[in-house]
């Protein structure tokens, strides 16, 4: 019997606009304020090169690494004498994520569906996000925190989807077996693969935004969800069938 429904965040529940250029400029302005002298184009080149290297490591190892790590490494390469100052790194990362938080939108059908599901199921959230504070800011902005009995963020536990550790941690925190939980996400490589590896039923939302982000999305026809829906509102009737 299904007793809980868990979700991915970005692309599944929350829509976020591409804001990389604005985010990097925000970060750069913080660094300039603290004495960073390199021009923006040079900073951007070093930052993106370092970030992509860490993206590869994160995907290969399924370990989560905070943005501060590759920001610090990029700044050291650029010879910034304050590259190791935690306060500057924290301030910069907060500025970086600000436009993403501001762009976050929660469709009405998400709010309505969570409200209905909450009446009969425990709800959980598993998010691949390096900076946990940003996740909580997005949830607060959308008034979504109240729905979730448990929240698991990769940046808090050091592992990323599709590693089953995140899914098992969620199940333990809900005091349920994995067989009693369905997981809903928009990315086969992270959401479906991870949920099935942990033993959960995996539901793929095909209208999600994972495929729009080419840095993360990879087509893999070998990963099949147990069920597919086009929109989150279809979950209500599907869960009646699964149960």
C-alpha atoms as a PDB file:
ATOM      1  CA  UNK A   1       0.000   0.000   0.000  1.00  0.00           C
ATOM      2  CA  UNK A   2       1.327   3.420  -0.956  1.00  0.00           C
ATOM      3  CA  UNK A   3       1.638   5.672   2.078  1.00  0.00           C
ATOM      4  CA  UNK A   4       3.876   8.473   0.785  1.00  0.00           C
ATOM      5  CA  UNK A   5       4.573  10.445  -2.367  1.00  0.00           C
ATOM      6  CA  UNK A   6       7.976  12.058  -2.819  1.00  0.00           C
ATOM      7  CA  UNK A   7       9.044  14.591  -5.408  1.00  0.00           C
ATOM      8  CA  UNK A   8      11.988  16.095  -7.191  1.00  0.00           C
ATOM      9  CA  UNK A   9      11.998  19.903  -6.921  1.00  0.00           C
ATOM     10  CA  UNK A  10      13.340  21.840  -9.915  1.00  0.00           C
ATOM     11  CA  UNK A  11      11.417  21.118 -13.107  1.00  0.00           C
ATOM     12  CA  UNK A  12       8.925  18.900 -11.300  1.00  0.00           C
ATOM     13  CA  UNK A  13       7.350  21.235  -8.744  1.00  0.00           C
ATOM     14  CA  UNK A  14       9.117  24.514  -9.431  1.00  0.00           C
ATOM     15  CA  UNK A  15       9.900  26.249 -12.708  1.00  0.00           C
ATOM     16  CA  UNK A  16      13.094  28.295 -12.773  1.00  0.00           C
ATOM     17  CA  UNK A  17      14.365  30.492 -15.591  1.00  0.00           C
ATOM     18  CA  UNK A  18      17.893  30.294 -16.982  1.00  0.00           C
ATOM     19  CA  UNK A  19      19.762  33.046 -15.130  1.00  0.00           C
ATOM     20  CA  UNK A  20      23.403  31.991 -15.372  1.00  0.00           C
ATOM     21  CA  UNK A  21      24.747  35.247 -16.816  1.00  0.00           C
ATOM     22  CA  UNK A  22      22.931  37.395 -14.258  1.00  0.00           C
ATOM     23  CA  UNK A  23      23.971  35.034 -11.462  1.00  0.00           C
ATOM     24  CA  UNK A  24      27.635  35.213 -12.435  1.00  0.00           C
ATOM     25  CA  UNK A  25      27.508  39.007 -12.657  1.00  0.00           C
ATOM     26  CA  UNK A  26      26.008  39.155  -9.162  1.00  0.00           C
ATOM     27  CA  UNK A  27      28.793  36.926  -7.886  1.00  0.00           C
ATOM     28  CA  UNK A  28      31.413  38.999  -9.689  1.00  0.00           C
ATOM     29  CA  UNK A  29      30.142  42.243  -8.133  1.00  0.00           C
ATOM     30  CA  UNK A  30      30.535  40.763  -4.653  1.00  0.00           C
ATOM     31  CA  UNK A  31      34.114  39.765  -5.448  1.00  0.00           C
ATOM     32  CA  UNK A  32      34.886  43.224  -6.847  1.00  0.00           C
ATOM     33  CA  UNK A  33      33.596  44.774  -3.635  1.00  0.00           C
ATOM     34  CA  UNK A  34      36.185  42.729  -1.761  1.00  0.00           C
ATOM     35  CA  UNK A  35      39.079  43.743  -3.996  1.00  0.00           C
ATOM     36  CA  UNK A  36      38.961  41.277  -6.889  1.00  0.00           C
ATOM     37  CA  UNK A  37      40.691  42.936  -9.861  1.00  0.00           C
ATOM     38  CA  UNK A  38      40.215  40.618 -12.851  1.00  0.00           C
ATOM     39  CA  UNK A  39      37.699  41.550 -15.558  1.00  0.00           C
ATOM     40  CA  UNK A  40      34.353  39.757 -15.771  1.00  0.00           C
ATOM     41  CA  UNK A  41      35.102  37.760 -18.930  1.00  0.00           C
ATOM     42  CA  UNK A  42      38.283  36.324 -17.394  1.00  0.00           C
ATOM     43  CA  UNK A  43      36.484  35.446 -14.170  1.00  0.00           C
ATOM     44  CA  UNK A  44      33.621  33.831 -16.088  1.00  0.00           C
ATOM     45  CA  UNK A  45      35.991  31.699 -18.166  1.00  0.00           C
ATOM     46  CA  UNK A  46      37.872  30.373 -15.123  1.00  0.00           C
ATOM     47  CA  UNK A  47      34.703  29.856 -13.079  1.00  0.00           C
ATOM     48  CA  UNK A  48      32.857  27.945 -15.806  1.00  0.00           C
ATOM     49  CA  UNK A  49      35.871  25.791 -16.615  1.00  0.00           C
ATOM     50  CA  UNK A  50      36.277  24.841 -12.952  1.00  0.00           C
ATOM     51  CA  UNK A  51      32.532  24.302 -12.482  1.00  0.00           C
ATOM     52  CA  UNK A  52      32.389  21.930 -15.456  1.00  0.00           C
ATOM     53  CA  UNK A  53      35.288  19.912 -14.057  1.00  0.00           C
ATOM     54  CA  UNK A  54      33.424  19.507 -10.787  1.00  0.00           C
ATOM     55  CA  UNK A  55      30.197  18.699 -12.619  1.00  0.00           C
ATOM     56  CA  UNK A  56      31.994  15.766 -14.205  1.00  0.00           C
ATOM     57  CA  UNK A  57      33.289  14.615 -10.815  1.00  0.00           C
ATOM     58  CA  UNK A  58      29.830  14.928  -9.255  1.00  0.00           C
ATOM     59  CA  UNK A  59      28.199  12.910 -12.023  1.00  0.00           C
ATOM     60  CA  UNK A  60      30.869  10.192 -11.972  1.00  0.00           C
ATOM     61  CA  UNK A  61      31.042   9.776  -8.191  1.00  0.00           C
ATOM     62  CA  UNK A  62      27.468  10.756  -7.248  1.00  0.00           C
ATOM     63  CA  UNK A  63      29.013  12.864  -4.487  1.00  0.00           C
ATOM     64  CA  UNK A  64      27.727  16.388  -3.903  1.00  0.00           C
ATOM     65  CA  UNK A  65      30.188  19.261  -3.809  1.00  0.00           C
ATOM     66  CA  UNK A  66      29.244  22.783  -2.752  1.00  0.00           C
ATOM     67  CA  UNK A  67      29.614  25.689  -5.187  1.00  0.00           C
ATOM     68  CA  UNK A  68      32.037  27.274  -2.740  1.00  0.00           C
ATOM     69  CA  UNK A  69      34.582  24.557  -3.516  1.00  0.00           C
ATOM     70  CA  UNK A  70      34.894  25.323  -7.210  1.00  0.00           C
ATOM     71  CA  UNK A  71      34.504  29.065  -6.659  1.00  0.00           C
ATOM     72  CA  UNK A  72      37.434  28.974  -4.251  1.00  0.00           C
ATOM     73  CA  UNK A  73      39.507  26.895  -6.685  1.00  0.00           C
ATOM     74  CA  UNK A  74      38.788  29.280  -9.567  1.00  0.00           C
ATOM     75  CA  UNK A  75      39.738  32.295  -7.440  1.00  0.00           C
ATOM     76  CA  UNK A  76      42.986  30.656  -6.342  1.00  0.00           C
ATOM     77  CA  UNK A  77      43.854  30.041  -9.996  1.00  0.00           C
ATOM     78  CA  UNK A  78      43.157  33.718 -10.649  1.00  0.00           C
ATOM     79  CA  UNK A  79      45.460  34.757  -7.809  1.00  0.00           C
ATOM     80  CA  UNK A  80      42.818  36.331  -5.562  1.00  0.00           C
ATOM     81  CA  UNK A  81      44.390  36.691  -2.114  1.00  0.00           C
ATOM     82  CA  UNK A  82      41.018  36.407  -0.342  1.00  0.00           C
ATOM     83  CA  UNK A  83      39.965  33.200  -2.107  1.00  0.00           C
ATOM     84  CA  UNK A  84      39.830  31.223   1.144  1.00  0.00           C
ATOM     85  CA  UNK A  85      37.766  33.708   3.162  1.00  0.00           C
ATOM     86  CA  UNK A  86      34.546  31.892   4.020  1.00  0.00           C
ATOM     87  CA  UNK A  87      32.491  35.055   4.487  1.00  0.00           C
ATOM     88  CA  UNK A  88      33.280  36.251   0.961  1.00  0.00           C
ATOM     89  CA  UNK A  89      32.521  32.846  -0.549  1.00  0.00           C
ATOM     90  CA  UNK A  90      29.197  32.660   1.309  1.00  0.00           C
ATOM     91  CA  UNK A  91      28.223  36.185   0.280  1.00  0.00           C
ATOM     92  CA  UNK A  92      29.133  35.474  -3.326  1.00  0.00           C
ATOM     93  CA  UNK A  93      27.164  32.235  -3.534  1.00  0.00           C
ATOM     94  CA  UNK A  94      24.128  33.883  -1.965  1.00  0.00           C
ATOM     95  CA  UNK A  95      24.292  36.634  -4.598  1.00  0.00           C
ATOM     96  CA  UNK A  96      24.744  34.027  -7.333  1.00  0.00           C
ATOM     97  CA  UNK A  97      21.544  32.173  -6.465  1.00  0.00           C
ATOM     98  CA  UNK A  98      19.422  35.288  -5.898  1.00  0.00           C
ATOM     99  CA  UNK A  99      18.130  35.612  -9.506  1.00  0.00           C
ATOM    100  CA  UNK A 100      17.230  31.926  -9.573  1.00  0.00           C
ATOM    101  CA  UNK A 101      15.196  32.286  -6.388  1.00  0.00           C
ATOM    102  CA  UNK A 102      13.489  35.383  -7.758  1.00  0.00           C
ATOM    103  CA  UNK A 103      12.586  33.593 -10.999  1.00  0.00           C
ATOM    104  CA  UNK A 104      11.089  30.545  -9.260  1.00  0.00           C
ATOM    105  CA  UNK A 105       7.438  29.946 -10.072  1.00  0.00           C
ATOM    106  CA  UNK A 106       5.086  27.312  -8.708  1.00  0.00           C
ATOM    107  CA  UNK A 107       2.237  26.438 -11.096  1.00  0.00           C
ATOM    108  CA  UNK A 108      -1.217  26.469  -9.527  1.00  0.00           C
ATOM    109  CA  UNK A 109      -1.725  22.795 -10.375  1.00  0.00           C
ATOM    110  CA  UNK A 110       1.316  21.932  -8.245  1.00  0.00           C
ATOM    111  CA  UNK A 111      -0.115  23.691  -5.218  1.00  0.00           C
ATOM    112  CA  UNK A 112      -3.560  22.188  -5.789  1.00  0.00           C
ATOM    113  CA  UNK A 113      -2.179  18.664  -6.274  1.00  0.00           C
ATOM    114  CA  UNK A 114       0.007  18.810  -3.167  1.00  0.00           C
ATOM    115  CA  UNK A 115      -2.981  20.048  -1.167  1.00  0.00           C
ATOM    116  CA  UNK A 116      -5.043  17.043  -2.265  1.00  0.00           C
ATOM    117  CA  UNK A 117      -2.257  14.511  -1.775  1.00  0.00           C
ATOM    118  CA  UNK A 118      -1.507  15.824   1.702  1.00  0.00           C
ATOM    119  CA  UNK A 119      -4.945  14.660   2.819  1.00  0.00           C
ATOM    120  CA  UNK A 120      -4.077  10.983   2.263  1.00  0.00           C
ATOM    121  CA  UNK A 121      -0.302  10.627   2.047  1.00  0.00           C
ATOM    122  CA  UNK A 122       2.897  11.694   3.689  1.00  0.00           C
ATOM    123  CA  UNK A 123       4.874  13.908   1.309  1.00  0.00           C
ATOM    124  CA  UNK A 124       8.619  14.041   0.789  1.00  0.00           C
ATOM    125  CA  UNK A 125      11.139  15.947  -1.284  1.00  0.00           C
ATOM    126  CA  UNK A 126      14.529  14.905  -2.675  1.00  0.00           C
ATOM    127  CA  UNK A 127      16.542  17.594  -4.433  1.00  0.00           C
ATOM    128  CA  UNK A 128      19.940  17.615  -6.093  1.00  0.00           C
ATOM    129  CA  UNK A 129      21.092  21.050  -5.001  1.00  0.00           C
ATOM    130  CA  UNK A 130      24.556  22.100  -3.900  1.00  0.00           C
ATOM    131  CA  UNK A 131      23.329  24.972  -1.725  1.00  0.00           C
ATOM    132  CA  UNK A 132      20.555  23.820   0.660  1.00  0.00           C
ATOM    133  CA  UNK A 133      19.694  27.372   1.736  1.00  0.00           C
ATOM    134  CA  UNK A 134      18.498  28.114  -1.796  1.00  0.00           C
ATOM    135  CA  UNK A 135      16.092  25.170  -1.712  1.00  0.00           C
ATOM    136  CA  UNK A 136      14.528  26.403   1.523  1.00  0.00           C
ATOM    137  CA  UNK A 137      14.268  29.947   0.147  1.00  0.00           C
ATOM    138  CA  UNK A 138      12.428  28.647  -2.923  1.00  0.00           C
ATOM    139  CA  UNK A 139      10.095  26.538  -0.790  1.00  0.00           C
ATOM    140  CA  UNK A 140       9.354  29.477   1.508  1.00  0.00           C
ATOM    141  CA  UNK A 141       8.712  31.774  -1.430  1.00  0.00           C
ATOM    142  CA  UNK A 142       6.210  29.325  -2.891  1.00  0.00           C
ATOM    143  CA  UNK A 143       4.615  28.498   0.473  1.00  0.00           C
ATOM    144  CA  UNK A 144       5.485  24.829  -0.075  1.00  0.00           C
ATOM    145  CA  UNK A 145       7.349  23.989   3.129  1.00  0.00           C
ATOM    146  CA  UNK A 146       4.122  23.158   4.955  1.00  0.00           C
ATOM    147  CA  UNK A 147       3.410  20.223   2.659  1.00  0.00           C
ATOM    148  CA  UNK A 148       6.509  18.127   3.320  1.00  0.00           C
ATOM    149  CA  UNK A 149       7.036  15.652   6.125  1.00  0.00           C
ATOM    150  CA  UNK A 150      10.650  15.145   5.081  1.00  0.00           C
ATOM    151  CA  UNK A 151      13.142  17.000   2.884  1.00  0.00           C
ATOM    152  CA  UNK A 152      16.414  15.481   1.662  1.00  0.00           C
ATOM    153  CA  UNK A 153      18.898  17.760  -0.131  1.00  0.00           C
ATOM    154  CA  UNK A 154      22.101  16.515  -1.725  1.00  0.00           C
ATOM    155  CA  UNK A 155      24.051  19.477  -0.360  1.00  0.00           C
ATOM    156  CA  UNK A 156      23.169  18.429   3.191  1.00  0.00           C
ATOM    157  CA  UNK A 157      24.147  14.770   2.988  1.00  0.00           C
ATOM    158  CA  UNK A 158      26.988  14.788   0.459  1.00  0.00           C
ATOM    159  CA  UNK A 159      25.411  12.424  -2.077  1.00  0.00           C
ATOM    160  CA  UNK A 160      23.461  13.134  -5.272  1.00  0.00           C
ATOM    161  CA  UNK A 161      20.676  11.400  -7.119  1.00  0.00           C
ATOM    162  CA  UNK A 162      20.693   8.799  -8.586  1.00  0.00           C
ATOM    163  CA  UNK A 163      22.537   7.389  -5.577  1.00  0.00           C
ATOM    164  CA  UNK A 164      19.946   5.389  -3.602  1.00  0.00           C
ATOM    165  CA  UNK A 165      21.270   6.770  -0.301  1.00  0.00           C
ATOM    166  CA  UNK A 166      19.035   9.841  -0.681  1.00  0.00           C
ATOM    167  CA  UNK A 167      15.928   7.744  -1.279  1.00  0.00           C
ATOM    168  CA  UNK A 168      16.701   5.379   1.592  1.00  0.00           C
ATOM    169  CA  UNK A 169      17.281   8.345   3.900  1.00  0.00           C
ATOM    170  CA  UNK A 170      13.894   9.749   2.955  1.00  0.00           C
ATOM    171  CA  UNK A 171      12.180   6.420   3.628  1.00  0.00           C
ATOM    172  CA  UNK A 172      13.847   6.146   7.026  1.00  0.00           C
ATOM    173  CA  UNK A 173      12.845   9.689   7.961  1.00  0.00           C
ATOM    174  CA  UNK A 174       9.225   8.913   7.049  1.00  0.00           C
ATOM    175  CA  UNK A 175       9.407   5.628   8.984  1.00  0.00           C
ATOM    176  CA  UNK A 176       8.245   3.753   5.886  1.00  0.00           C
ATOM    177  CA  UNK A 177       9.635   1.038   3.654  1.00  0.00           C
ATOM    178  CA  UNK A 178      10.678   2.027   0.134  1.00  0.00           C
ATOM    179  CA  UNK A 179       7.844  -0.131  -1.217  1.00  0.00           C
ATOM    180  CA  UNK A 180       5.369   2.214   0.438  1.00  0.00           C
ATOM    181  CA  UNK A 181       6.687   5.290  -1.401  1.00  0.00           C
ATOM    182  CA  UNK A 182       6.360   6.493  -4.981  1.00  0.00           C
ATOM    183  CA  UNK A 183       8.846   9.000  -6.330  1.00  0.00           C
ATOM    184  CA  UNK A 184       7.904  11.593  -8.929  1.00  0.00           C
ATOM    185  CA  UNK A 185      10.457  13.429 -11.062  1.00  0.00           C
ATOM    186  CA  UNK A 186      11.189  14.775 -14.522  1.00  0.00           C
ATOM    187  CA  UNK A 187      14.628  13.267 -15.192  1.00  0.00           C
ATOM    188  CA  UNK A 188      15.083   9.555 -15.992  1.00  0.00           C
ATOM    189  CA  UNK A 189      18.816   9.649 -15.231  1.00  0.00           C
ATOM    190  CA  UNK A 190      18.487  11.024 -11.719  1.00  0.00           C
ATOM    191  CA  UNK A 191      14.901  10.617 -10.551  1.00  0.00           C
ATOM    192  CA  UNK A 192      13.780   7.375 -12.175  1.00  0.00           C
ATOM    193  CA  UNK A 193      17.128   5.592 -11.946  1.00  0.00           C
ATOM    194  CA  UNK A 194      17.639   6.569  -8.306  1.00  0.00           C
ATOM    195  CA  UNK A 195      14.133   5.712  -7.163  1.00  0.00           C
ATOM    196  CA  UNK A 196      14.175   2.297  -8.818  1.00  0.00           C
ATOM    197  CA  UNK A 197      17.642   1.521  -7.472  1.00  0.00           C
ATOM    198  CA  UNK A 198      16.299   2.166  -3.978  1.00  0.00           C
ATOM    199  CA  UNK A 199      13.213   0.014  -4.571  1.00  0.00           C
ATOM    200  CA  UNK A 200      10.600   2.755  -4.954  1.00  0.00           C
ATOM    201  CA  UNK A 201       7.986   3.022  -7.674  1.00  0.00           C
ATOM    202  CA  UNK A 202       9.181   5.670 -10.140  1.00  0.00           C
ATOM    203  CA  UNK A 203       6.828   8.054 -11.924  1.00  0.00           C
ATOM    204  CA  UNK A 204       8.180  10.268 -14.704  1.00  0.00           C
ATOM    205  CA  UNK A 205       6.569  13.613 -15.501  1.00  0.00           C
ATOM    206  CA  UNK A 206       7.169  13.966 -19.225  1.00  0.00           C
ATOM    207  CA  UNK A 207       6.368  17.675 -19.317  1.00  0.00           C
ATOM    208  CA  UNK A 208       9.201  18.459 -16.895  1.00  0.00           C
ATOM    209  CA  UNK A 209      12.159  20.689 -17.713  1.00  0.00           C
ATOM    210  CA  UNK A 210      15.129  18.348 -17.255  1.00  0.00           C
ATOM    211  CA  UNK A 211      15.702  17.937 -20.972  1.00  0.00           C
ATOM    212  CA  UNK A 212      15.980  21.707 -21.400  1.00  0.00           C
ATOM    213  CA  UNK A 213      19.230  21.795 -19.431  1.00  0.00           C
ATOM    214  CA  UNK A 214      21.814  20.215 -21.712  1.00  0.00           C
ATOM    215  CA  UNK A 215      24.539  20.261 -19.050  1.00  0.00           C
ATOM    216  CA  UNK A 216      22.640  17.708 -16.995  1.00  0.00           C
ATOM    217  CA  UNK A 217      20.187  15.897 -19.238  1.00  0.00           C
ATOM    218  CA  UNK A 218      21.245  12.816 -21.160  1.00  0.00           C
ATOM    219  CA  UNK A 219      18.915  10.694 -23.241  1.00  0.00           C
ATOM    220  CA  UNK A 220      18.977   7.118 -21.988  1.00  0.00           C
ATOM    221  CA  UNK A 221      16.349   4.840 -23.465  1.00  0.00           C
ATOM    222  CA  UNK A 222      17.362   2.023 -21.115  1.00  0.00           C
ATOM    223  CA  UNK A 223      15.920   3.803 -18.081  1.00  0.00           C
ATOM    224  CA  UNK A 224      12.182   3.253 -17.920  1.00  0.00           C
ATOM    225  CA  UNK A 225       9.805   4.639 -15.331  1.00  0.00           C
ATOM    226  CA  UNK A 226       7.135   2.403 -13.843  1.00  0.00           C
ATOM    227  CA  UNK A 227       4.550   4.980 -14.865  1.00  0.00           C
ATOM    228  CA  UNK A 228       4.487   8.210 -16.860  1.00  0.00           C
ATOM    229  CA  UNK A 229       2.244  11.256 -16.581  1.00  0.00           C
ATOM    230  CA  UNK A 230       2.222  14.456 -18.586  1.00  0.00           C
ATOM    231  CA  UNK A 231       1.279  16.717 -15.696  1.00  0.00           C
ATOM    232  CA  UNK A 232       1.420  16.538 -11.926  1.00  0.00           C
ATOM    233  CA  UNK A 233      -2.370  16.710 -11.610  1.00  0.00           C
ATOM    234  CA  UNK A 234      -2.626  13.269 -13.263  1.00  0.00           C
ATOM    235  CA  UNK A 235      -1.056  11.767 -10.134  1.00  0.00           C
ATOM    236  CA  UNK A 236      -4.344  11.853  -8.241  1.00  0.00           C
ATOM    237  CA  UNK A 237      -6.019   9.263 -10.462  1.00  0.00           C
ATOM    238  CA  UNK A 238      -2.834   7.280 -11.093  1.00  0.00           C
ATOM    239  CA  UNK A 239      -2.261   6.741  -7.377  1.00  0.00           C
ATOM    240  CA  UNK A 240      -5.736   5.244  -7.077  1.00  0.00           C
ATOM    241  CA  UNK A 241      -4.687   2.639  -9.649  1.00  0.00           C
ATOM    242  CA  UNK A 242      -1.299   1.928  -8.048  1.00  0.00           C
ATOM    243  CA  UNK A 243      -2.757   1.631  -4.557  1.00  0.00           C
END
